[in-house]
Protein backbone atom coordinates (compact mmCIF):
# COMPACT_ATOMS: atom_id res chain seq x y z
CA UNK A 1 0.00 0.00 0.00
CA UNK A 2 1.42 3.39 -0.97
CA UNK A 3 1.70 6.32 1.41
CA UNK A 4 -1.18 8.12 -0.29
CA UNK A 5 -3.31 4.95 -0.09
CA UNK A 6 -2.85 4.65 3.68
CA UNK A 7 -3.48 8.36 4.17
CA UNK A 8 -6.74 8.06 2.22
CA UNK A 9 -7.66 4.97 4.21
CA UNK A 10 -7.08 6.87 7.46
CA UNK A 11 -9.19 9.83 6.35
CA UNK A 12 -12.02 7.50 5.32
CA UNK A 13 -11.86 5.67 8.66
CA UNK A 14 -12.14 8.83 10.78
CA UNK A 15 -15.94 9.03 10.41
CA UNK A 16 -16.15 6.74 13.44
CA UNK A 17 -13.34 6.76 16.00
CA UNK A 18 -13.22 4.13 18.72
CA UNK A 19 -10.95 5.07 21.60
CA UNK A 20 -8.96 2.36 23.34
CA UNK A 21 -8.86 2.75 27.11
CA UNK A 22 -5.12 3.48 27.04
CA UNK A 23 -5.66 6.35 24.58
CA UNK A 24 -8.33 7.92 26.82
CA UNK A 25 -6.03 7.77 29.83
CA UNK A 26 -3.08 9.24 27.93
CA UNK A 27 -5.20 12.04 26.44
CA UNK A 28 -6.55 12.91 29.87
CA UNK A 29 -3.03 12.89 31.35
CA UNK A 30 -1.91 15.37 28.66
CA UNK A 31 -5.10 17.49 28.95
CA UNK A 32 -6.16 16.68 25.39
CA UNK A 33 -9.91 16.69 24.88
CA UNK A 34 -11.43 13.86 22.88
CA UNK A 35 -13.53 16.17 20.75
CA UNK A 36 -10.59 18.53 20.17
CA UNK A 37 -8.39 15.67 19.02
CA UNK A 38 -11.05 14.13 16.79
CA UNK A 39 -11.71 17.51 15.16
CA UNK A 40 -7.97 18.03 14.65
CA UNK A 41 -7.53 14.62 13.02
CA UNK A 42 -10.45 15.18 10.67
CA UNK A 43 -9.05 18.61 9.75
CA UNK A 44 -5.64 17.27 8.87
CA UNK A 45 -2.63 15.25 9.91
CA UNK A 46 0.81 14.22 8.74
CA UNK A 47 1.64 10.55 8.57
CA UNK A 48 4.86 9.97 10.49
CA UNK A 49 5.23 6.18 10.44
CA UNK A 50 3.27 3.32 8.90
CA UNK A 51 3.23 -0.02 10.72
CA UNK A 52 2.25 -2.72 8.24
CA UNK A 53 3.31 -5.57 10.53
CA UNK A 54 1.51 -4.46 13.70
CA UNK A 55 0.15 -7.61 15.39
CA UNK A 56 -3.17 -5.80 15.97
CA UNK A 57 -3.40 -5.06 12.27
CA UNK A 58 -2.12 -2.23 10.12
CA UNK A 59 -1.65 1.01 12.05
CA UNK A 60 0.04 4.38 11.71
CA UNK A 61 1.60 7.12 13.80
CA UNK A 62 0.25 10.50 12.74
CA UNK A 63 0.91 14.06 13.83
CA UNK A 64 -1.83 16.60 14.30
CA UNK A 65 -2.15 19.85 16.22
CA UNK A 66 -4.67 20.51 18.98
CA UNK A 67 -4.92 24.17 20.01
CA UNK A 68 -1.61 24.77 18.24
CA UNK A 69 0.19 22.01 20.16
CA UNK A 70 1.69 18.91 18.49
CA UNK A 71 0.03 15.60 19.29
CA UNK A 72 1.06 12.14 18.12
CA UNK A 73 -1.67 9.57 17.60
CA UNK A 74 -1.34 5.89 16.83
CA UNK A 75 -4.44 4.64 15.10
CA UNK A 76 -5.53 1.53 13.29
CA UNK A 77 -7.74 2.38 10.31
CA UNK A 78 -10.33 -0.14 9.24
CA UNK A 79 -12.85 0.02 6.43
CA UNK A 80 -15.53 1.99 8.27
CA UNK A 81 -13.88 3.08 11.55
CA UNK A 82 -10.57 3.83 13.19
CA UNK A 83 -9.24 2.49 16.48
CA UNK A 84 -7.37 5.17 18.38
CA UNK A 85 -4.66 3.20 20.17
CA UNK A 86 -2.64 5.86 21.94
CA UNK A 87 -2.16 9.61 22.13
CA UNK A 88 0.80 11.58 23.42
CA UNK A 89 2.53 14.92 23.26
CA UNK A 90 5.89 14.29 21.54
CA UNK A 91 9.00 15.01 23.59
CA UNK A 92 11.02 17.81 22.01
CA UNK A 93 14.34 16.09 22.72
CA UNK A 94 13.28 12.98 20.76
CA UNK A 95 11.78 14.65 17.66
CA UNK A 96 12.99 17.24 15.18
CA UNK A 97 11.40 20.69 15.07
CA UNK A 98 8.56 19.42 12.83
CA UNK A 99 7.69 16.55 15.22
CA UNK A 100 7.44 14.33 12.13
CA UNK A 101 10.91 12.81 12.26
CA UNK A 102 12.74 11.17 15.14
CA UNK A 103 16.09 12.73 16.03
CA UNK A 104 19.01 10.65 14.87
CA UNK A 105 17.15 9.14 11.91
C-alpha atoms as a PDB file:
ATOM      1  CA  UNK A   1       0.000   0.000   0.000  1.00  0.00           C
ATOM      2  CA  UNK A   2       1.418   3.387  -0.974  1.00  0.00           C
ATOM      3  CA  UNK A   3       1.696   6.324   1.411  1.00  0.00           C
ATOM      4  CA  UNK A   4      -1.182   8.117  -0.293  1.00  0.00           C
ATOM      5  CA  UNK A   5      -3.312   4.948  -0.088  1.00  0.00           C
ATOM      6  CA  UNK A   6      -2.854   4.646   3.683  1.00  0.00           C
ATOM      7  CA  UNK A   7      -3.480   8.363   4.172  1.00  0.00           C
ATOM      8  CA  UNK A   8      -6.741   8.063   2.216  1.00  0.00           C
ATOM      9  CA  UNK A   9      -7.663   4.970   4.214  1.00  0.00           C
ATOM     10  CA  UNK A  10      -7.080   6.868   7.460  1.00  0.00           C
ATOM     11  CA  UNK A  11      -9.193   9.833   6.351  1.00  0.00           C
ATOM     12  CA  UNK A  12     -12.021   7.496   5.324  1.00  0.00           C
ATOM     13  CA  UNK A  13     -11.856   5.667   8.658  1.00  0.00           C
ATOM     14  CA  UNK A  14     -12.143   8.831  10.777  1.00  0.00           C
ATOM     15  CA  UNK A  15     -15.937   9.030  10.412  1.00  0.00           C
ATOM     16  CA  UNK A  16     -16.149   6.743  13.438  1.00  0.00           C
ATOM     17  CA  UNK A  17     -13.344   6.757  15.996  1.00  0.00           C
ATOM     18  CA  UNK A  18     -13.216   4.127  18.722  1.00  0.00           C
ATOM     19  CA  UNK A  19     -10.954   5.071  21.605  1.00  0.00           C
ATOM     20  CA  UNK A  20      -8.956   2.363  23.341  1.00  0.00           C
ATOM     21  CA  UNK A  21      -8.861   2.751  27.107  1.00  0.00           C
ATOM     22  CA  UNK A  22      -5.124   3.480  27.041  1.00  0.00           C
ATOM     23  CA  UNK A  23      -5.657   6.346  24.578  1.00  0.00           C
ATOM     24  CA  UNK A  24      -8.327   7.921  26.817  1.00  0.00           C
ATOM     25  CA  UNK A  25      -6.029   7.767  29.827  1.00  0.00           C
ATOM     26  CA  UNK A  26      -3.075   9.240  27.930  1.00  0.00           C
ATOM     27  CA  UNK A  27      -5.199  12.040  26.436  1.00  0.00           C
ATOM     28  CA  UNK A  28      -6.553  12.914  29.866  1.00  0.00           C
ATOM     29  CA  UNK A  29      -3.030  12.894  31.350  1.00  0.00           C
ATOM     30  CA  UNK A  30      -1.915  15.366  28.655  1.00  0.00           C
ATOM     31  CA  UNK A  31      -5.101  17.491  28.954  1.00  0.00           C
ATOM     32  CA  UNK A  32      -6.161  16.682  25.390  1.00  0.00           C
ATOM     33  CA  UNK A  33      -9.913  16.693  24.879  1.00  0.00           C
ATOM     34  CA  UNK A  34     -11.427  13.857  22.881  1.00  0.00           C
ATOM     35  CA  UNK A  35     -13.534  16.169  20.745  1.00  0.00           C
ATOM     36  CA  UNK A  36     -10.594  18.526  20.169  1.00  0.00           C
ATOM     37  CA  UNK A  37      -8.392  15.671  19.018  1.00  0.00           C
ATOM     38  CA  UNK A  38     -11.050  14.128  16.791  1.00  0.00           C
ATOM     39  CA  UNK A  39     -11.707  17.513  15.156  1.00  0.00           C
ATOM     40  CA  UNK A  40      -7.967  18.032  14.650  1.00  0.00           C
ATOM     41  CA  UNK A  41      -7.535  14.615  13.018  1.00  0.00           C
ATOM     42  CA  UNK A  42     -10.447  15.178  10.675  1.00  0.00           C
ATOM     43  CA  UNK A  43      -9.049  18.607   9.751  1.00  0.00           C
ATOM     44  CA  UNK A  44      -5.638  17.265   8.869  1.00  0.00           C
ATOM     45  CA  UNK A  45      -2.630  15.248   9.912  1.00  0.00           C
ATOM     46  CA  UNK A  46       0.814  14.224   8.744  1.00  0.00           C
ATOM     47  CA  UNK A  47       1.638  10.548   8.573  1.00  0.00           C
ATOM     48  CA  UNK A  48       4.858   9.969  10.492  1.00  0.00           C
ATOM     49  CA  UNK A  49       5.233   6.182  10.443  1.00  0.00           C
ATOM     50  CA  UNK A  50       3.265   3.319   8.899  1.00  0.00           C
ATOM     51  CA  UNK A  51       3.230  -0.022  10.720  1.00  0.00           C
ATOM     52  CA  UNK A  52       2.246  -2.715   8.239  1.00  0.00           C
ATOM     53  CA  UNK A  53       3.307  -5.573  10.526  1.00  0.00           C
ATOM     54  CA  UNK A  54       1.512  -4.457  13.701  1.00  0.00           C
ATOM     55  CA  UNK A  55       0.151  -7.613  15.394  1.00  0.00           C
ATOM     56  CA  UNK A  56      -3.175  -5.797  15.975  1.00  0.00           C
ATOM     57  CA  UNK A  57      -3.402  -5.059  12.269  1.00  0.00           C
ATOM     58  CA  UNK A  58      -2.124  -2.228  10.120  1.00  0.00           C
ATOM     59  CA  UNK A  59      -1.652   1.009  12.048  1.00  0.00           C
ATOM     60  CA  UNK A  60       0.044   4.382  11.714  1.00  0.00           C
ATOM     61  CA  UNK A  61       1.599   7.120  13.804  1.00  0.00           C
ATOM     62  CA  UNK A  62       0.250  10.503  12.737  1.00  0.00           C
ATOM     63  CA  UNK A  63       0.915  14.064  13.826  1.00  0.00           C
ATOM     64  CA  UNK A  64      -1.827  16.599  14.299  1.00  0.00           C
ATOM     65  CA  UNK A  65      -2.145  19.850  16.223  1.00  0.00           C
ATOM     66  CA  UNK A  66      -4.668  20.508  18.978  1.00  0.00           C
ATOM     67  CA  UNK A  67      -4.920  24.166  20.007  1.00  0.00           C
ATOM     68  CA  UNK A  68      -1.606  24.767  18.239  1.00  0.00           C
ATOM     69  CA  UNK A  69       0.191  22.005  20.160  1.00  0.00           C
ATOM     70  CA  UNK A  70       1.686  18.910  18.490  1.00  0.00           C
ATOM     71  CA  UNK A  71       0.033  15.601  19.294  1.00  0.00           C
ATOM     72  CA  UNK A  72       1.057  12.144  18.117  1.00  0.00           C
ATOM     73  CA  UNK A  73      -1.671   9.572  17.603  1.00  0.00           C
ATOM     74  CA  UNK A  74      -1.344   5.894  16.835  1.00  0.00           C
ATOM     75  CA  UNK A  75      -4.438   4.641  15.098  1.00  0.00           C
ATOM     76  CA  UNK A  76      -5.531   1.525  13.293  1.00  0.00           C
ATOM     77  CA  UNK A  77      -7.741   2.375  10.314  1.00  0.00           C
ATOM     78  CA  UNK A  78     -10.332  -0.136   9.241  1.00  0.00           C
ATOM     79  CA  UNK A  79     -12.846   0.022   6.426  1.00  0.00           C
ATOM     80  CA  UNK A  80     -15.528   1.993   8.274  1.00  0.00           C
ATOM     81  CA  UNK A  81     -13.877   3.083  11.546  1.00  0.00           C
ATOM     82  CA  UNK A  82     -10.574   3.834  13.187  1.00  0.00           C
ATOM     83  CA  UNK A  83      -9.243   2.493  16.479  1.00  0.00           C
ATOM     84  CA  UNK A  84      -7.374   5.174  18.382  1.00  0.00           C
ATOM     85  CA  UNK A  85      -4.663   3.195  20.167  1.00  0.00           C
ATOM     86  CA  UNK A  86      -2.637   5.861  21.940  1.00  0.00           C
ATOM     87  CA  UNK A  87      -2.161   9.606  22.130  1.00  0.00           C
ATOM     88  CA  UNK A  88       0.802  11.582  23.420  1.00  0.00           C
ATOM     89  CA  UNK A  89       2.534  14.924  23.258  1.00  0.00           C
ATOM     90  CA  UNK A  90       5.886  14.287  21.540  1.00  0.00           C
ATOM     91  CA  UNK A  91       8.996  15.008  23.586  1.00  0.00           C
ATOM     92  CA  UNK A  92      11.020  17.809  22.005  1.00  0.00           C
ATOM     93  CA  UNK A  93      14.336  16.091  22.719  1.00  0.00           C
ATOM     94  CA  UNK A  94      13.284  12.976  20.757  1.00  0.00           C
ATOM     95  CA  UNK A  95      11.784  14.645  17.662  1.00  0.00           C
ATOM     96  CA  UNK A  96      12.992  17.243  15.175  1.00  0.00           C
ATOM     97  CA  UNK A  97      11.396  20.685  15.067  1.00  0.00           C
ATOM     98  CA  UNK A  98       8.565  19.419  12.829  1.00  0.00           C
ATOM     99  CA  UNK A  99       7.687  16.547  15.223  1.00  0.00           C
ATOM    100  CA  UNK A 100       7.442  14.334  12.135  1.00  0.00           C
ATOM    101  CA  UNK A 101      10.914  12.811  12.257  1.00  0.00           C
ATOM    102  CA  UNK A 102      12.740  11.171  15.145  1.00  0.00           C
ATOM    103  CA  UNK A 103      16.091  12.727  16.026  1.00  0.00           C
ATOM    104  CA  UNK A 104      19.014  10.648  14.868  1.00  0.00           C
ATOM    105  CA  UNK A 105      17.155   9.138  11.908  1.00  0.00           C
END
